[in-house]
Protein backbone atom coordinates (compact mmCIF):
# COMPACT_ATOMS: atom_id res chain seq x y z
CA MET A 1 39.46 -21.22 -15.04
CA ASN A 2 40.93 -17.99 -16.38
CA LEU A 3 38.62 -14.95 -16.32
CA LEU A 4 38.68 -11.26 -17.03
CA ILE A 5 36.41 -9.53 -14.51
CA SER A 6 35.60 -5.84 -14.79
CA ALA A 7 33.60 -3.78 -12.30
CA GLY A 8 33.51 -0.01 -12.27
CA GLU A 9 31.71 1.06 -9.08
CA ALA A 10 31.53 0.17 -5.40
CA SER A 11 28.40 -1.97 -5.79
CA GLY A 12 29.90 -3.80 -8.76
CA ASP A 13 33.08 -4.40 -6.78
CA LEU A 14 31.03 -5.98 -3.99
CA HIS A 15 28.96 -8.16 -6.34
CA GLY A 16 32.07 -9.17 -8.27
CA ALA A 17 33.91 -10.11 -5.08
CA ARG A 18 31.07 -12.36 -3.99
CA LEU A 19 30.94 -13.95 -7.44
CA LEU A 20 34.70 -14.60 -7.50
CA LYS A 21 34.57 -16.11 -4.02
CA GLU A 22 31.81 -18.51 -5.05
CA LEU A 23 33.59 -19.39 -8.31
CA SER A 24 36.71 -20.27 -6.34
CA ARG A 25 34.64 -22.60 -4.18
CA LEU A 26 33.01 -24.22 -7.22
CA ALA A 27 35.84 -24.53 -9.69
CA ALA A 28 39.23 -24.04 -8.08
CA PRO A 29 41.73 -23.04 -9.25
CA VAL A 30 40.42 -19.75 -10.61
CA THR A 31 42.69 -17.02 -11.91
CA ALA A 32 41.13 -13.63 -12.49
CA PHE A 33 42.46 -10.29 -13.68
CA GLY A 34 40.84 -7.05 -14.72
CA MET A 35 39.34 -3.97 -13.09
CA GLY A 36 37.83 -3.74 -9.65
CA GLY A 37 38.03 -2.21 -6.21
CA PRO A 38 39.46 -3.37 -2.89
CA ARG A 39 36.87 -6.11 -2.35
CA LEU A 40 37.62 -7.84 -5.65
CA ALA A 41 41.33 -7.46 -4.99
CA ALA A 42 40.87 -9.11 -1.59
CA GLU A 43 39.24 -12.12 -3.29
CA GLY A 44 42.22 -12.56 -5.61
CA LEU A 45 41.56 -10.34 -8.61
CA GLU A 46 44.82 -9.16 -10.14
CA ARG A 47 43.96 -5.56 -10.89
CA VAL A 48 45.30 -4.04 -14.08
CA ALA A 49 42.98 -1.06 -13.47
CA ARG A 50 41.42 0.34 -10.30
CA SER A 51 37.70 1.03 -10.30
CA GLU A 52 38.20 3.75 -7.65
CA ASP A 53 39.89 5.85 -10.33
CA LEU A 54 36.74 5.78 -12.49
CA SER A 55 33.96 6.18 -9.94
CA VAL A 56 32.04 8.96 -11.65
CA MET A 57 28.45 10.11 -11.92
CA GLY A 58 26.99 11.67 -15.05
CA ILE A 59 28.28 12.92 -18.37
CA SER A 60 30.24 15.93 -17.20
CA GLU A 61 32.13 13.84 -14.63
CA VAL A 62 33.01 11.25 -17.29
CA LEU A 63 34.39 14.00 -19.55
CA ALA A 64 36.60 15.19 -16.70
CA LYS A 65 38.07 11.69 -16.31
CA LEU A 66 38.50 10.71 -19.94
CA SER A 67 42.23 10.17 -19.57
CA SER A 68 41.68 7.74 -16.68
CA VAL A 69 38.95 5.96 -18.64
CA TRP A 70 41.24 5.59 -21.64
CA ARG A 71 44.12 4.24 -19.54
CA ALA A 72 41.86 1.65 -17.95
CA LEU A 73 40.47 0.55 -21.32
CA SER A 74 43.97 0.27 -22.75
CA ALA A 75 45.19 -1.78 -19.79
CA LEU A 76 42.25 -4.18 -20.02
CA ARG A 77 42.58 -4.58 -23.79
CA HIS A 78 46.28 -5.31 -23.53
CA ALA A 79 45.83 -7.76 -20.64
CA ALA A 80 43.06 -9.62 -22.51
CA ALA A 81 45.21 -9.93 -25.62
CA GLN A 82 48.12 -11.28 -23.57
CA ARG A 83 46.24 -13.63 -21.24
CA LYS A 84 43.42 -14.84 -23.51
CA PRO A 85 40.72 -15.39 -20.85
CA GLU A 86 38.06 -18.05 -21.24
CA ALA A 87 35.44 -15.34 -20.78
CA ALA A 88 34.99 -11.77 -19.62
CA VAL A 89 32.52 -11.02 -16.83
CA LEU A 90 31.38 -7.41 -17.25
CA ILE A 91 29.61 -6.03 -14.18
CA ASP A 92 27.24 -3.11 -14.84
CA PHE A 93 29.09 0.17 -15.82
CA PRO A 94 27.39 0.03 -19.25
CA ASP A 95 29.06 2.85 -21.20
CA PHE A 96 32.59 1.81 -20.29
CA HIS A 97 31.84 -1.85 -20.93
CA ALA A 98 30.17 -1.10 -24.26
CA VAL A 99 33.55 0.14 -25.53
CA LEU A 100 35.51 -2.67 -23.91
CA ALA A 101 33.12 -5.29 -25.27
CA ARG A 102 33.85 -4.31 -28.88
CA THR A 103 37.54 -5.07 -28.39
CA LEU A 104 36.86 -8.31 -26.53
CA ARG A 105 34.54 -9.47 -29.30
CA ARG A 106 37.29 -8.88 -31.86
CA GLN A 107 39.55 -10.98 -29.65
CA ALA A 108 36.87 -13.73 -29.61
CA VAL A 109 36.48 -13.51 -25.83
CA PRO A 110 32.97 -14.70 -24.78
CA LEU A 111 31.07 -12.01 -22.88
CA ILE A 112 29.10 -12.61 -19.70
CA TYR A 113 27.12 -9.65 -18.38
CA TYR A 114 26.50 -9.72 -14.64
CA VAL A 115 24.24 -7.10 -13.09
CA SER A 116 22.70 -6.70 -16.52
CA PRO A 117 22.95 -3.05 -17.58
CA GLN A 118 19.63 -1.27 -17.07
CA VAL A 119 19.79 0.19 -20.55
CA TRP A 120 16.30 -1.17 -21.21
CA ALA A 121 15.14 1.81 -19.13
CA TRP A 122 16.81 4.48 -21.23
CA ARG A 123 18.50 3.00 -24.28
CA PRO A 124 16.52 0.06 -25.76
CA GLY A 125 18.83 -0.09 -28.77
CA ARG A 126 21.79 -0.75 -26.47
CA ALA A 127 19.85 -3.58 -24.81
CA ARG A 128 19.48 -5.25 -28.21
CA VAL A 129 23.22 -4.91 -28.84
CA ILE A 130 24.03 -6.45 -25.45
CA ALA A 131 21.63 -9.32 -26.08
CA ARG A 132 23.29 -10.01 -29.43
CA ARG A 133 26.85 -9.83 -28.07
CA ALA A 134 26.45 -11.75 -24.83
CA ARG A 135 27.14 -15.44 -24.39
CA LEU A 136 25.21 -15.11 -21.12
CA ILE A 137 23.34 -12.38 -19.21
CA LEU A 138 22.81 -12.71 -15.46
CA THR A 139 19.99 -10.51 -14.19
CA LEU A 140 19.32 -9.34 -10.65
CA PHE A 141 15.64 -8.54 -11.21
CA SER A 142 13.11 -11.07 -12.46
CA PHE A 143 11.41 -8.63 -14.85
CA GLU A 144 14.71 -8.08 -16.68
CA THR A 145 14.85 -11.73 -17.63
CA GLU A 146 11.86 -11.50 -19.95
CA ILE A 147 13.14 -8.24 -21.48
CA TYR A 148 16.44 -9.82 -22.53
CA ARG A 149 14.87 -13.16 -23.42
CA ARG A 150 12.56 -11.41 -25.89
CA LEU A 151 15.70 -9.94 -27.45
CA GLY A 152 17.12 -13.42 -28.00
CA ALA A 153 19.65 -13.56 -25.18
CA ASP A 154 20.67 -16.56 -23.09
CA VAL A 155 19.63 -15.15 -19.72
CA VAL A 156 19.49 -16.41 -16.13
CA TRP A 157 17.81 -14.65 -13.21
CA THR A 158 20.08 -15.06 -10.19
CA GLY A 159 18.37 -12.70 -7.77
CA HIS A 160 20.12 -9.82 -6.05
CA PRO A 161 23.29 -10.49 -4.00
CA ILE A 162 22.42 -7.58 -1.75
CA VAL A 163 19.86 -9.90 -0.11
CA ASP A 164 22.77 -11.82 1.41
CA ASP A 165 24.69 -8.64 2.26
CA VAL A 166 21.81 -7.26 4.29
CA ALA A 167 20.92 -10.60 5.87
CA GLU A 168 24.51 -10.96 7.07
CA GLY A 169 24.50 -7.38 8.33
CA LEU A 170 21.31 -7.98 10.28
CA ALA A 171 22.40 -11.35 11.66
CA GLY A 172 24.29 -9.81 14.57
CA ALA A 173 22.81 -8.15 17.59
CA PRO A 174 20.02 -5.72 16.71
CA ALA A 175 20.64 -2.06 17.35
CA ALA A 176 19.45 -1.10 20.80
CA ALA A 177 16.42 1.14 20.78
CA GLY A 178 17.29 4.68 21.70
CA PRO A 179 15.19 7.16 23.62
CA ARG A 180 14.50 9.09 20.40
CA PRO A 181 13.52 8.12 16.84
CA ARG A 182 16.41 7.71 14.42
CA LEU A 183 16.97 9.39 11.05
CA ALA A 184 19.46 7.70 8.69
CA LEU A 185 21.37 9.61 6.01
CA LEU A 186 22.80 7.69 3.03
CA PRO A 187 24.36 10.31 0.75
CA GLY A 188 25.84 7.87 -1.77
CA SER A 189 28.98 5.92 -2.58
CA ARG A 190 30.54 8.11 -5.27
CA PRO A 191 32.48 11.30 -4.58
CA ALA A 192 30.24 13.44 -6.78
CA GLU A 193 27.12 12.16 -5.03
CA VAL A 194 28.49 12.88 -1.59
CA ARG A 195 29.67 16.36 -2.60
CA ARG A 196 26.24 17.26 -3.97
CA LEU A 197 24.02 15.61 -1.38
CA TRP A 198 25.86 15.74 1.92
CA PRO A 199 25.62 19.50 2.64
CA LEU A 200 21.90 19.51 1.91
CA MET A 201 21.26 16.37 3.99
CA ARG A 202 23.38 17.67 6.88
CA ASP A 203 21.67 21.04 7.05
CA ALA A 204 18.15 19.67 6.56
CA ALA A 205 18.74 17.03 9.25
CA ALA A 206 19.94 19.68 11.69
CA HIS A 207 16.78 21.71 11.04
CA LEU A 208 14.55 18.65 11.46
CA ALA A 209 16.30 17.63 14.70
CA ALA A 210 15.76 21.15 16.03
CA ARG A 211 12.00 20.77 15.47
CA ARG A 212 11.51 17.29 16.93
CA PRO A 213 13.53 14.80 19.00
CA LEU A 214 15.74 12.80 16.63
CA ASP A 215 19.03 10.93 16.67
CA VAL A 216 20.72 11.33 13.30
CA PHE A 217 23.43 9.14 11.82
CA ALA A 218 25.05 9.00 8.38
CA VAL A 219 26.34 5.86 6.67
CA GLN A 220 29.92 6.34 5.51
CA ALA A 221 30.65 4.73 2.14
CA PRO A 222 33.69 2.44 1.89
CA GLY A 223 36.86 4.38 1.21
CA PHE A 224 35.49 7.68 2.52
CA SER A 225 37.07 9.39 5.51
CA ASP A 226 35.33 11.58 8.08
CA ALA A 227 36.63 14.57 6.14
CA SER A 228 34.25 13.71 3.29
CA TYR A 229 31.36 14.65 5.62
CA PRO A 230 32.30 18.12 6.87
CA GLY A 231 30.26 19.58 9.71
CA ALA A 232 28.80 16.25 10.83
CA ARG A 233 29.86 16.61 14.45
CA ASP A 234 28.71 20.23 14.67
CA ALA A 235 25.31 19.16 13.32
CA GLY A 236 25.06 16.35 15.89
CA ILE A 237 25.31 13.63 13.22
CA ALA A 238 27.12 10.37 14.04
CA LEU A 239 29.15 8.80 11.22
CA VAL A 240 28.81 5.01 10.90
CA ALA A 241 31.44 3.22 8.80
CA SER A 242 30.45 -0.40 9.49
CA GLY A 243 27.65 -2.40 11.02
CA ALA A 244 25.09 0.03 9.65
CA HIS A 245 22.32 -2.43 8.77
CA PRO A 246 20.98 -2.94 12.31
CA LEU A 247 20.97 0.82 12.83
CA LEU A 248 19.28 1.36 9.48
CA ALA A 249 16.61 -1.21 10.35
CA SER A 250 15.96 0.64 13.62
CA ALA A 251 15.46 4.03 11.93
CA GLU A 252 12.06 5.61 11.58
CA LEU A 253 13.12 7.25 8.31
CA ALA A 254 16.04 7.35 5.87
CA TRP A 255 17.16 9.84 3.24
CA VAL A 256 18.81 7.77 0.53
CA ALA A 257 20.75 8.64 -2.62
CA SER A 258 19.19 6.89 -5.59
CA GLY A 259 21.00 3.63 -6.31
CA THR A 260 21.60 0.25 -4.72
CA ALA A 261 21.33 1.77 -1.24
CA THR A 262 17.59 2.17 -1.79
CA LEU A 263 17.34 -1.63 -2.04
CA GLU A 264 19.41 -2.08 1.12
CA THR A 265 17.01 0.27 2.87
CA ALA A 266 14.03 -1.64 1.49
CA LEU A 267 15.48 -4.92 2.78
CA CYS A 268 15.76 -3.27 6.20
CA ARG A 269 12.06 -2.28 5.82
CA THR A 270 12.93 1.33 6.62
CA PRO A 271 10.67 4.08 5.23
CA MET A 272 12.64 6.43 3.01
CA VAL A 273 12.77 9.51 0.84
CA VAL A 274 14.94 9.00 -2.25
CA VAL A 275 17.07 11.94 -3.37
CA TYR A 276 19.08 12.56 -6.50
CA ARG A 277 21.08 15.42 -7.92
CA ALA A 278 23.40 15.34 -10.92
CA SER A 279 24.92 18.03 -13.11
CA ARG A 280 22.36 19.91 -15.19
CA MET A 281 23.73 18.51 -18.43
CA SER A 282 23.69 14.91 -17.19
CA PHE A 283 20.16 15.20 -15.86
CA ALA A 284 18.85 16.93 -18.99
CA VAL A 285 20.26 14.20 -21.22
CA GLY A 286 18.97 11.49 -18.90
CA ARG A 287 15.47 12.93 -18.86
CA ARG A 288 15.34 12.81 -22.63
CA LEU A 289 16.47 9.19 -22.74
CA VAL A 290 14.81 7.54 -19.74
CA LYS A 291 11.83 5.34 -20.56
CA VAL A 292 10.49 4.70 -17.05
CA PRO A 293 8.69 7.18 -14.78
CA TRP A 294 10.92 6.64 -11.73
CA ILE A 295 14.58 6.89 -10.91
CA SER A 296 14.77 4.81 -7.73
CA LEU A 297 15.17 1.04 -7.98
CA VAL A 298 12.56 0.56 -5.26
CA ASN A 299 9.84 2.17 -7.36
CA ILE A 300 11.07 0.51 -10.56
CA VAL A 301 10.95 -2.95 -8.98
CA ALA A 302 7.55 -2.22 -7.42
CA GLY A 303 6.18 -0.87 -10.69
CA GLU A 304 4.56 2.00 -8.82
CA THR A 305 5.42 4.91 -6.55
CA VAL A 306 6.19 3.32 -3.20
CA VAL A 307 8.65 5.93 -1.91
CA PRO A 308 8.80 9.66 -2.68
CA GLU A 309 11.57 10.86 -5.01
CA LEU A 310 13.05 14.35 -4.87
CA LEU A 311 15.16 15.08 -7.95
CA GLN A 312 17.27 18.03 -9.05
CA GLU A 313 15.40 21.33 -8.49
CA GLU A 314 12.75 19.50 -6.45
CA LEU A 315 15.44 18.54 -3.97
CA THR A 316 15.42 21.51 -1.61
CA PRO A 317 15.69 21.56 2.18
CA GLU A 318 12.08 22.74 2.35
CA ARG A 319 10.72 19.86 0.24
CA LEU A 320 12.85 17.31 2.07
CA LEU A 321 11.62 18.55 5.42
CA GLU A 322 8.03 18.62 4.19
CA GLU A 323 8.12 15.02 2.94
CA SER A 324 9.92 13.84 6.07
CA GLN A 325 7.59 15.50 8.54
CA ALA A 326 4.59 14.08 6.70
CA LEU A 327 6.03 10.57 7.07
CA LEU A 328 7.14 11.01 10.68
CA ASP A 329 3.72 12.41 11.62
CA SER A 330 1.86 9.46 10.06
CA PRO A 331 2.47 6.01 11.59
CA GLU A 332 -0.17 4.67 9.20
CA ARG A 333 1.73 5.89 6.14
CA ARG A 334 4.98 4.41 7.42
CA THR A 335 3.24 1.09 8.06
CA ARG A 336 1.90 1.03 4.49
CA MET A 337 5.34 1.86 3.15
CA ARG A 338 6.94 -0.95 5.15
CA ALA A 339 4.38 -3.38 3.68
CA ASP A 340 5.26 -2.16 0.17
CA LEU A 341 8.97 -2.53 0.93
CA GLU A 342 8.32 -6.10 2.07
CA ARG A 343 6.87 -6.78 -1.40
CA VAL A 344 9.89 -5.18 -3.08
CA ALA A 345 12.21 -7.29 -0.93
CA ARG A 346 10.50 -10.49 -2.12
CA GLU A 347 11.07 -9.41 -5.73
CA LEU A 348 14.84 -9.43 -5.11
CA GLY A 349 14.84 -13.20 -4.81
CA PRO A 350 15.94 -15.66 -2.13
CA PRO A 351 19.39 -15.79 -0.52
CA GLY A 352 22.23 -17.37 -2.48
CA ALA A 353 22.32 -15.10 -5.54
CA SER A 354 26.11 -15.11 -5.83
CA ARG A 355 26.20 -18.90 -5.67
CA ARG A 356 23.59 -19.13 -8.41
CA ALA A 357 25.53 -16.64 -10.52
CA ALA A 358 28.74 -18.65 -10.08
CA GLU A 359 26.96 -21.85 -11.09
CA ALA A 360 25.61 -20.15 -14.23
CA VAL A 361 29.06 -18.82 -15.14
CA ALA A 362 30.66 -22.23 -14.62
CA ALA A 363 27.98 -23.88 -16.76
CA ALA A 364 28.49 -21.31 -19.52
CA LEU A 365 32.24 -21.92 -19.51
CA ASP A 366 31.68 -25.66 -19.72
CA ALA A 367 29.43 -25.06 -22.72
CA ASN A 368 32.03 -22.76 -24.30
CA ARG A 369 34.55 -25.60 -24.25
CA THR A 370 32.25 -27.76 -26.36
CA ARG A 371 31.10 -25.22 -28.94
CA PRO A 372 32.88 -22.70 -31.16
CA ALA A 373 33.08 -19.09 -29.97
CA ARG A 374 31.01 -16.50 -31.77
CA THR A 375 32.82 -14.38 -34.25
CA ALA A 376 32.72 -10.60 -34.16
CA ALA A 377 30.33 -10.62 -37.11
CA GLN A 378 27.74 -12.79 -35.39
């Protein structure tokens, strides 16, 4: 099996690594090349481009990294032309992969979308294009399956691989209960997120801890050093680089950057406030395009407001403290939120998502060998 795999962010790197590991168990030998991070590389991906070089957030950040984006696209195009993979597995990162997919189609490389791009939420026309191009779409959320199926795609719901990640993280010894309630800070996994959110989280947490007894810890994203979280020690905030899930599950409250981390927090059944801040231009464009009333995956999966969201100008220390104190002062509200998070967790599917994804990919490749590839005009 010869695959091109491309993932552009930390979560995609993790999901891709799990997929490649399961594919190697199912259909050895597997050779894979493409773009990814350290986790994919550790599972055997030969990287012709590094996803760490492209980890950006929003339009203005993309513009600042156009040269890196172009180099990565060129490297992937050249490698695909030389190595002629049986298929390309494109993991999220929709704008980058939209450009790459056009080249791969011209090269008659079948396209498999894993972590189906959530363009249905903000760019329905792009969803139709993806459905037309894809040999197979693997969705993490059950409601996405019907969206893409209505558009004519061959689609399989695999469930979310983060279910296994969190289950494995929680399988060890639970975090010992401390004498004081815990507040967890998750300021994101991309440099721009951390730069925008960390100072506000740090200062607001220090103010909250001065008002009530709290132990505060921050979850360090992979690849980030302590220097990425300036002032943590002075603010009394412990940095946790690994083994964070038991601590997160023991927290009374979490402040979480919008993204996959909100689902991790939901799987830990930890009440949360979701925060988000992008450049003004990126947010303005996004607001015009987005077709759903929420930004957090927890609320999108639930189909209702389960957790509060503080976005852009709404995200001030005062509002964050107000929302947090209201939750900490109301055991009843936290209990209701935990029940809602339990429902969200069930929507993410049972364990074994990566195995199911690998089985679907292997089946699609078997089918490819017995039918002609689509042409670029199809």
